[in-house]
Amino acid sequence: MTQKSTRITVDLGSEELVKAVKIAAVEQGRTVRDIVIEALTQWLKPGQSSSGQDYASMIDTINKYRARGNQSR
């Protein structure tokens, strides 16, 4: 199954933050996209969220549920 690309628009509220991320991406030879994905993935890891939720497990469960639904079609 191919992964569908998903886009979001986010107002970071700080041009300095945007510049810092772009500079870090260039310095590390990475894309801004990769850095944002890494940051969000880290933030959503079990025990990282302030609410204690395990969002990664929730997303995994949703993806498994969707995959089963697609198989029955």
PDB file of N, CA and C in Angstrom:
ATOM      1  N   MET A   1       0.847  -1.175   0.000  1.00  0.00           N
ATOM      2  CA  MET A   1       0.000   0.000   0.000  1.00  0.00           C
ATOM      3  C   MET A   1       0.893   1.240   0.000  1.00  0.00           C
ATOM      4  N   THR A   2       0.609   2.181  -0.883  1.00  0.00           N
ATOM      5  CA  THR A   2       1.402   3.406  -0.946  1.00  0.00           C
ATOM      6  C   THR A   2       0.872   4.422   0.048  1.00  0.00           C
ATOM      7  N   GLN A   3       1.786   5.182   0.586  1.00  0.00           N
ATOM      8  CA  GLN A   3       1.431   6.210   1.555  1.00  0.00           C
ATOM      9  C   GLN A   3       0.926   7.442   0.820  1.00  0.00           C
ATOM     10  N   LYS A   4      -0.229   7.937   1.212  1.00  0.00           N
ATOM     11  CA  LYS A   4      -0.779   9.145   0.621  1.00  0.00           C
ATOM     12  C   LYS A   4      -0.106  10.359   1.261  1.00  0.00           C
ATOM     13  N   SER A   5       0.310  11.302   0.433  1.00  0.00           N
ATOM     14  CA  SER A   5       0.935  12.511   0.939  1.00  0.00           C
ATOM     15  C   SER A   5      -0.119  13.408   1.571  1.00  0.00           C
ATOM     16  N   THR A   6       0.221  13.969   2.718  1.00  0.00           N
ATOM     17  CA  THR A   6      -0.694  14.842   3.430  1.00  0.00           C
ATOM     18  C   THR A   6       0.005  16.164   3.690  1.00  0.00           C
ATOM     19  N   ARG A   7      -0.679  17.244   3.403  1.00  0.00           N
ATOM     20  CA  ARG A   7      -0.101  18.573   3.610  1.00  0.00           C
ATOM     21  C   ARG A   7      -0.858  19.295   4.719  1.00  0.00           C
ATOM     22  N   ILE A   8      -0.118  20.115   5.460  1.00  0.00           N
ATOM     23  CA  ILE A   8      -0.727  20.988   6.450  1.00  0.00           C
ATOM     24  C   ILE A   8      -0.083  22.364   6.313  1.00  0.00           C
ATOM     25  N   THR A   9      -0.799  23.363   6.751  1.00  0.00           N
ATOM     26  CA  THR A   9      -0.250  24.704   6.818  1.00  0.00           C
ATOM     27  C   THR A   9      -0.264  25.115   8.280  1.00  0.00           C
ATOM     28  N   VAL A  10       0.876  25.577   8.756  1.00  0.00           N
ATOM     29  CA  VAL A  10       0.994  25.927  10.164  1.00  0.00           C
ATOM     30  C   VAL A  10       1.602  27.319  10.277  1.00  0.00           C
ATOM     31  N   ASP A  11       0.961  28.180  11.052  1.00  0.00           N
ATOM     32  CA  ASP A  11       1.523  29.493  11.348  1.00  0.00           C
ATOM     33  C   ASP A  11       2.348  29.332  12.620  1.00  0.00           C
ATOM     34  N   LEU A  12       3.664  29.358  12.476  1.00  0.00           N
ATOM     35  CA  LEU A  12       4.535  29.157  13.629  1.00  0.00           C
ATOM     36  C   LEU A  12       4.633  30.390  14.514  1.00  0.00           C
ATOM     37  N   GLY A  13       4.152  31.502  14.019  1.00  0.00           N
ATOM     38  CA  GLY A  13       4.109  32.706  14.835  1.00  0.00           C
ATOM     39  C   GLY A  13       5.451  33.396  15.028  1.00  0.00           C
ATOM     40  N   SER A  14       6.465  32.915  14.327  1.00  0.00           N
ATOM     41  CA  SER A  14       7.792  33.503  14.509  1.00  0.00           C
ATOM     42  C   SER A  14       8.631  33.277  13.265  1.00  0.00           C
ATOM     43  N   GLU A  15       8.990  34.370  12.609  1.00  0.00           N
ATOM     44  CA  GLU A  15       9.872  34.244  11.441  1.00  0.00           C
ATOM     45  C   GLU A  15      11.237  33.743  11.847  1.00  0.00           C
ATOM     46  N   GLU A  16      11.671  34.085  13.062  1.00  0.00           N
ATOM     47  CA  GLU A  16      12.966  33.627  13.543  1.00  0.00           C
ATOM     48  C   GLU A  16      12.988  32.103  13.666  1.00  0.00           C
ATOM     49  N   LEU A  17      11.880  31.514  14.124  1.00  0.00           N
ATOM     50  CA  LEU A  17      11.797  30.059  14.240  1.00  0.00           C
ATOM     51  C   LEU A  17      11.860  29.407  12.865  1.00  0.00           C
ATOM     52  N   VAL A  18      11.137  29.968  11.909  1.00  0.00           N
ATOM     53  CA  VAL A  18      11.149  29.431  10.542  1.00  0.00           C
ATOM     54  C   VAL A  18      12.562  29.513   9.972  1.00  0.00           C
ATOM     55  N   LYS A  19      13.220  30.642  10.149  1.00  0.00           N
ATOM     56  CA  LYS A  19      14.594  30.801   9.649  1.00  0.00           C
ATOM     57  C   LYS A  19      15.532  29.806  10.320  1.00  0.00           C
ATOM     58  N   ALA A  20      15.377  29.627  11.625  1.00  0.00           N
ATOM     59  CA  ALA A  20      16.243  28.704  12.359  1.00  0.00           C
ATOM     60  C   ALA A  20      16.072  27.272  11.851  1.00  0.00           C
ATOM     61  N   VAL A  21      14.846  26.865  11.579  1.00  0.00           N
ATOM     62  CA  VAL A  21      14.602  25.515  11.072  1.00  0.00           C
ATOM     63  C   VAL A  21      15.194  25.362   9.674  1.00  0.00           C
ATOM     64  N   LYS A  22      15.025  26.379   8.832  1.00  0.00           N
ATOM     65  CA  LYS A  22      15.588  26.321   7.479  1.00  0.00           C
ATOM     66  C   LYS A  22      17.112  26.255   7.524  1.00  0.00           C
ATOM     67  N   ILE A  23      17.733  27.042   8.387  1.00  0.00           N
ATOM     68  CA  ILE A  23      19.191  27.029   8.522  1.00  0.00           C
ATOM     69  C   ILE A  23      19.661  25.663   9.022  1.00  0.00           C
ATOM     70  N   ALA A  24      18.974  25.132  10.028  1.00  0.00           N
ATOM     71  CA  ALA A  24      19.336  23.811  10.558  1.00  0.00           C
ATOM     72  C   ALA A  24      19.220  22.750   9.476  1.00  0.00           C
ATOM     73  N   ALA A  25      18.188  22.838   8.653  1.00  0.00           N
ATOM     74  CA  ALA A  25      18.005  21.866   7.574  1.00  0.00           C
ATOM     75  C   ALA A  25      19.176  21.913   6.597  1.00  0.00           C
ATOM     76  N   VAL A  26      19.569  23.117   6.213  1.00  0.00           N
ATOM     77  CA  VAL A  26      20.696  23.267   5.279  1.00  0.00           C
ATOM     78  C   VAL A  26      21.978  22.747   5.923  1.00  0.00           C
ATOM     79  N   GLU A  27      22.225  23.134   7.158  1.00  0.00           N
ATOM     80  CA  GLU A  27      23.454  22.720   7.836  1.00  0.00           C
ATOM     81  C   GLU A  27      23.536  21.206   8.004  1.00  0.00           C
ATOM     82  N   GLN A  28      22.389  20.558   8.187  1.00  0.00           N
ATOM     83  CA  GLN A  28      22.360  19.109   8.399  1.00  0.00           C
ATOM     84  C   GLN A  28      22.144  18.332   7.105  1.00  0.00           C
ATOM     85  N   GLY A  29      21.963  19.053   5.999  1.00  0.00           N
ATOM     86  CA  GLY A  29      21.731  18.384   4.723  1.00  0.00           C
ATOM     87  C   GLY A  29      20.404  17.640   4.698  1.00  0.00           C
ATOM     88  N   ARG A  30      19.412  18.208   5.347  1.00  0.00           N
ATOM     89  CA  ARG A  30      18.088  17.592   5.439  1.00  0.00           C
ATOM     90  C   ARG A  30      17.043  18.568   4.932  1.00  0.00           C
ATOM     91  N   THR A  31      15.823  18.092   4.823  1.00  0.00           N
ATOM     92  CA  THR A  31      14.728  18.976   4.433  1.00  0.00           C
ATOM     93  C   THR A  31      13.993  19.460   5.679  1.00  0.00           C
ATOM     94  N   VAL A  32      13.317  20.592   5.537  1.00  0.00           N
ATOM     95  CA  VAL A  32      12.480  21.090   6.625  1.00  0.00           C
ATOM     96  C   VAL A  32      11.422  20.040   6.948  1.00  0.00           C
ATOM     97  N   ARG A  33      10.890  19.419   5.918  1.00  0.00           N
ATOM     98  CA  ARG A  33       9.876  18.369   6.100  1.00  0.00           C
ATOM     99  C   ARG A  33      10.395  17.269   7.022  1.00  0.00           C
ATOM    100  N   ASP A  34      11.620  16.797   6.764  1.00  0.00           N
ATOM    101  CA  ASP A  34      12.204  15.740   7.589  1.00  0.00           C
ATOM    102  C   ASP A  34      12.351  16.171   9.047  1.00  0.00           C
ATOM    103  N   ILE A  35      12.784  17.409   9.247  1.00  0.00           N
ATOM    104  CA  ILE A  35      12.969  17.920  10.605  1.00  0.00           C
ATOM    105  C   ILE A  35      11.633  18.023  11.332  1.00  0.00           C
ATOM    106  N   VAL A  36      10.614  18.509  10.657  1.00  0.00           N
ATOM    107  CA  VAL A  36       9.289  18.640  11.275  1.00  0.00           C
ATOM    108  C   VAL A  36       8.718  17.262  11.600  1.00  0.00           C
ATOM    109  N   ILE A  37       8.861  16.304  10.671  1.00  0.00           N
ATOM    110  CA  ILE A  37       8.371  14.947  10.925  1.00  0.00           C
ATOM    111  C   ILE A  37       9.079  14.355  12.141  1.00  0.00           C
ATOM    112  N   GLU A  38      10.400  14.520  12.209  1.00  0.00           N
ATOM    113  CA  GLU A  38      11.157  13.995  13.349  1.00  0.00           C
ATOM    114  C   GLU A  38      10.692  14.638  14.660  1.00  0.00           C
ATOM    115  N   ALA A  39      10.516  15.947  14.644  1.00  0.00           N
ATOM    116  CA  ALA A  39      10.102  16.656  15.854  1.00  0.00           C
ATOM    117  C   ALA A  39       8.709  16.201  16.316  1.00  0.00           C
ATOM    118  N   LEU A  40       7.780  16.085  15.375  1.00  0.00           N
ATOM    119  CA  LEU A  40       6.426  15.664  15.748  1.00  0.00           C
ATOM    120  C   LEU A  40       6.406  14.211  16.214  1.00  0.00           C
ATOM    121  N   THR A  41       7.183  13.366  15.562  1.00  0.00           N
ATOM    122  CA  THR A  41       7.255  11.962  15.968  1.00  0.00           C
ATOM    123  C   THR A  41       7.803  11.844  17.387  1.00  0.00           C
ATOM    124  N   GLN A  42       8.866  12.599  17.679  1.00  0.00           N
ATOM    125  CA  GLN A  42       9.432  12.596  19.030  1.00  0.00           C
ATOM    126  C   GLN A  42       8.406  13.080  20.054  1.00  0.00           C
ATOM    127  N   TRP A  43       7.700  14.141  19.712  1.00  0.00           N
ATOM    128  CA  TRP A  43       6.728  14.741  20.622  1.00  0.00           C
ATOM    129  C   TRP A  43       5.576  13.794  20.919  1.00  0.00           C
ATOM    130  N   LEU A  44       5.215  12.965  19.945  1.00  0.00           N
ATOM    131  CA  LEU A  44       4.091  12.049  20.114  1.00  0.00           C
ATOM    132  C   LEU A  44       4.476  10.702  20.722  1.00  0.00           C
ATOM    133  N   LYS A  45       5.747  10.487  20.997  1.00  0.00           N
ATOM    134  CA  LYS A  45       6.177   9.215  21.597  1.00  0.00           C
ATOM    135  C   LYS A  45       5.531   9.032  22.966  1.00  0.00           C
ATOM    136  N   PRO A  46       5.323   7.767  23.344  1.00  0.00           N
ATOM    137  CA  PRO A  46       4.742   7.493  24.668  1.00  0.00           C
ATOM    138  C   PRO A  46       5.534   8.182  25.773  1.00  0.00           C
ATOM    139  N   GLY A  47       4.811   8.793  26.688  1.00  0.00           N
ATOM    140  CA  GLY A  47       5.436   9.461  27.818  1.00  0.00           C
ATOM    141  C   GLY A  47       5.900  10.869  27.530  1.00  0.00           C
ATOM    142  N   GLN A  48       5.869  11.300  26.274  1.00  0.00           N
ATOM    143  CA  GLN A  48       6.350  12.636  25.917  1.00  0.00           C
ATOM    144  C   GLN A  48       5.254  13.694  26.027  1.00  0.00           C
ATOM    145  N   SER A  49       4.007  13.295  25.793  1.00  0.00           N
ATOM    146  CA  SER A  49       2.929  14.289  25.817  1.00  0.00           C
ATOM    147  C   SER A  49       2.563  14.628  27.261  1.00  0.00           C
ATOM    148  N   SER A  50       2.116  15.849  27.474  1.00  0.00           N
ATOM    149  CA  SER A  50       1.775  16.283  28.823  1.00  0.00           C
ATOM    150  C   SER A  50       0.555  15.556  29.373  1.00  0.00           C
ATOM    151  N   SER A  51      -0.280  15.007  28.473  1.00  0.00           N
ATOM    152  CA  SER A  51      -1.477  14.296  28.933  1.00  0.00           C
ATOM    153  C   SER A  51      -1.203  12.826  29.210  1.00  0.00           C
ATOM    154  N   GLY A  52       0.005  12.346  28.845  1.00  0.00           N
ATOM    155  CA  GLY A  52       0.334  10.945  29.062  1.00  0.00           C
ATOM    156  C   GLY A  52      -0.250  10.017  28.015  1.00  0.00           C
ATOM    157  N   GLN A  53      -0.895  10.585  27.005  1.00  0.00           N
ATOM    158  CA  GLN A  53      -1.494   9.772  25.948  1.00  0.00           C
ATOM    159  C   GLN A  53      -0.422   9.123  25.098  1.00  0.00           C
ATOM    160  N   ASP A  54      -0.683   7.920  24.610  1.00  0.00           N
ATOM    161  CA  ASP A  54       0.224   7.239  23.688  1.00  0.00           C
ATOM    162  C   ASP A  54      -0.363   7.404  22.289  1.00  0.00           C
ATOM    163  N   TYR A  55      -0.075   8.550  21.688  1.00  0.00           N
ATOM    164  CA  TYR A  55      -0.646   8.865  20.387  1.00  0.00           C
ATOM    165  C   TYR A  55      -0.148   7.941  19.288  1.00  0.00           C
ATOM    166  N   ALA A  56       1.098   7.500  19.376  1.00  0.00           N
ATOM    167  CA  ALA A  56       1.636   6.598  18.358  1.00  0.00           C
ATOM    168  C   ALA A  56       0.832   5.304  18.318  1.00  0.00           C
ATOM    169  N   SER A  57       0.473   4.777  19.479  1.00  0.00           N
ATOM    170  CA  SER A  57      -0.337   3.549  19.523  1.00  0.00           C
ATOM    171  C   SER A  57      -1.731   3.795  18.962  1.00  0.00           C
ATOM    172  N   MET A  58      -2.276   4.963  19.249  1.00  0.00           N
ATOM    173  CA  MET A  58      -3.601   5.304  18.714  1.00  0.00           C
ATOM    174  C   MET A  58      -3.566   5.348  17.191  1.00  0.00           C
ATOM    175  N   ILE A  59      -2.554   5.976  16.643  1.00  0.00           N
ATOM    176  CA  ILE A  59      -2.419   6.090  15.188  1.00  0.00           C
ATOM    177  C   ILE A  59      -2.214   4.716  14.574  1.00  0.00           C
ATOM    178  N   ASP A  60      -1.396   3.885  15.216  1.00  0.00           N
ATOM    179  CA  ASP A  60      -1.158   2.527  14.728  1.00  0.00           C
ATOM    180  C   ASP A  60      -2.463   1.736  14.695  1.00  0.00           C
ATOM    181  N   THR A  61      -3.264   1.859  15.736  1.00  0.00           N
ATOM    182  CA  THR A  61      -4.551   1.157  15.799  1.00  0.00           C
ATOM    183  C   THR A  61      -5.487   1.638  14.695  1.00  0.00           C
ATOM    184  N   ILE A  62      -5.540   2.935  14.470  1.00  0.00           N
ATOM    185  CA  ILE A  62      -6.384   3.491  13.403  1.00  0.00           C
ATOM    186  C   ILE A  62      -5.935   2.969  12.042  1.00  0.00           C
ATOM    187  N   ASN A  63      -4.611   2.956  11.800  1.00  0.00           N
ATOM    188  CA  ASN A  63      -4.097   2.467  10.517  1.00  0.00           C
ATOM    189  C   ASN A  63      -4.424   0.995  10.306  1.00  0.00           C
ATOM    190  N   LYS A  64      -4.335   0.181  11.348  1.00  0.00           N
ATOM    191  CA  LYS A  64      -4.687  -1.238  11.239  1.00  0.00           C
ATOM    192  C   LYS A  64      -6.178  -1.392  10.933  1.00  0.00           C
ATOM    193  N   TYR A  65      -6.994  -0.598  11.600  1.00  0.00           N
ATOM    194  CA  TYR A  65      -8.436  -0.637  11.377  1.00  0.00           C
ATOM    195  C   TYR A  65      -8.769  -0.259   9.932  1.00  0.00           C
ATOM    196  N   ARG A  66      -8.133   0.792   9.427  1.00  0.00           N
ATOM    197  CA  ARG A  66      -8.365   1.223   8.046  1.00  0.00           C
ATOM    198  C   ARG A  66      -7.899   0.169   7.050  1.00  0.00           C
ATOM    199  N   ALA A  67      -6.765  -0.469   7.333  1.00  0.00           N
ATOM    200  CA  ALA A  67      -6.249  -1.499   6.433  1.00  0.00           C
ATOM    201  C   ALA A  67      -7.212  -2.677   6.351  1.00  0.00           C
ATOM    202  N   ARG A  68      -7.814  -3.066   7.446  1.00  0.00           N
ATOM    203  CA  ARG A  68      -8.799  -4.148   7.429  1.00  0.00           C
ATOM    204  C   ARG A  68     -10.023  -3.741   6.634  1.00  0.00           C
ATOM    205  N   GLY A  69     -10.434  -2.490   6.754  1.00  0.00           N
ATOM    206  CA  GLY A  69     -11.592  -1.999   6.006  1.00  0.00           C
ATOM    207  C   GLY A  69     -11.351  -2.015   4.514  1.00  0.00           C
ATOM    208  N   ASN A  70     -10.140  -1.699   4.105  1.00  0.00           N
ATOM    209  CA  ASN A  70      -9.797  -1.705   2.675  1.00  0.00           C
ATOM    210  C   ASN A  70      -9.726  -3.106   2.120  1.00  0.00           C
ATOM    211  N   GLN A  71      -9.396  -4.091   2.938  1.00  0.00           N
ATOM    212  CA  GLN A  71      -9.302  -5.470   2.491  1.00  0.00           C
ATOM    213  C   GLN A  71     -10.684  -6.058   2.191  1.00  0.00           C
ATOM    214  N   SER A  72     -11.719  -5.552   2.853  1.00  0.00           N
ATOM    215  CA  SER A  72     -13.050  -6.113   2.674  1.00  0.00           C
ATOM    216  C   SER A  72     -13.760  -5.557   1.445  1.00  0.00           C
ATOM    217  N   ARG A  73     -13.135  -4.604   0.778  1.00  0.00           N
ATOM    218  CA  ARG A  73     -13.763  -3.977  -0.401  1.00  0.00           C
ATOM    219  C   ARG A  73     -13.521  -4.765  -1.639  1.00  0.00           C
TER     220      ARG A  73
END
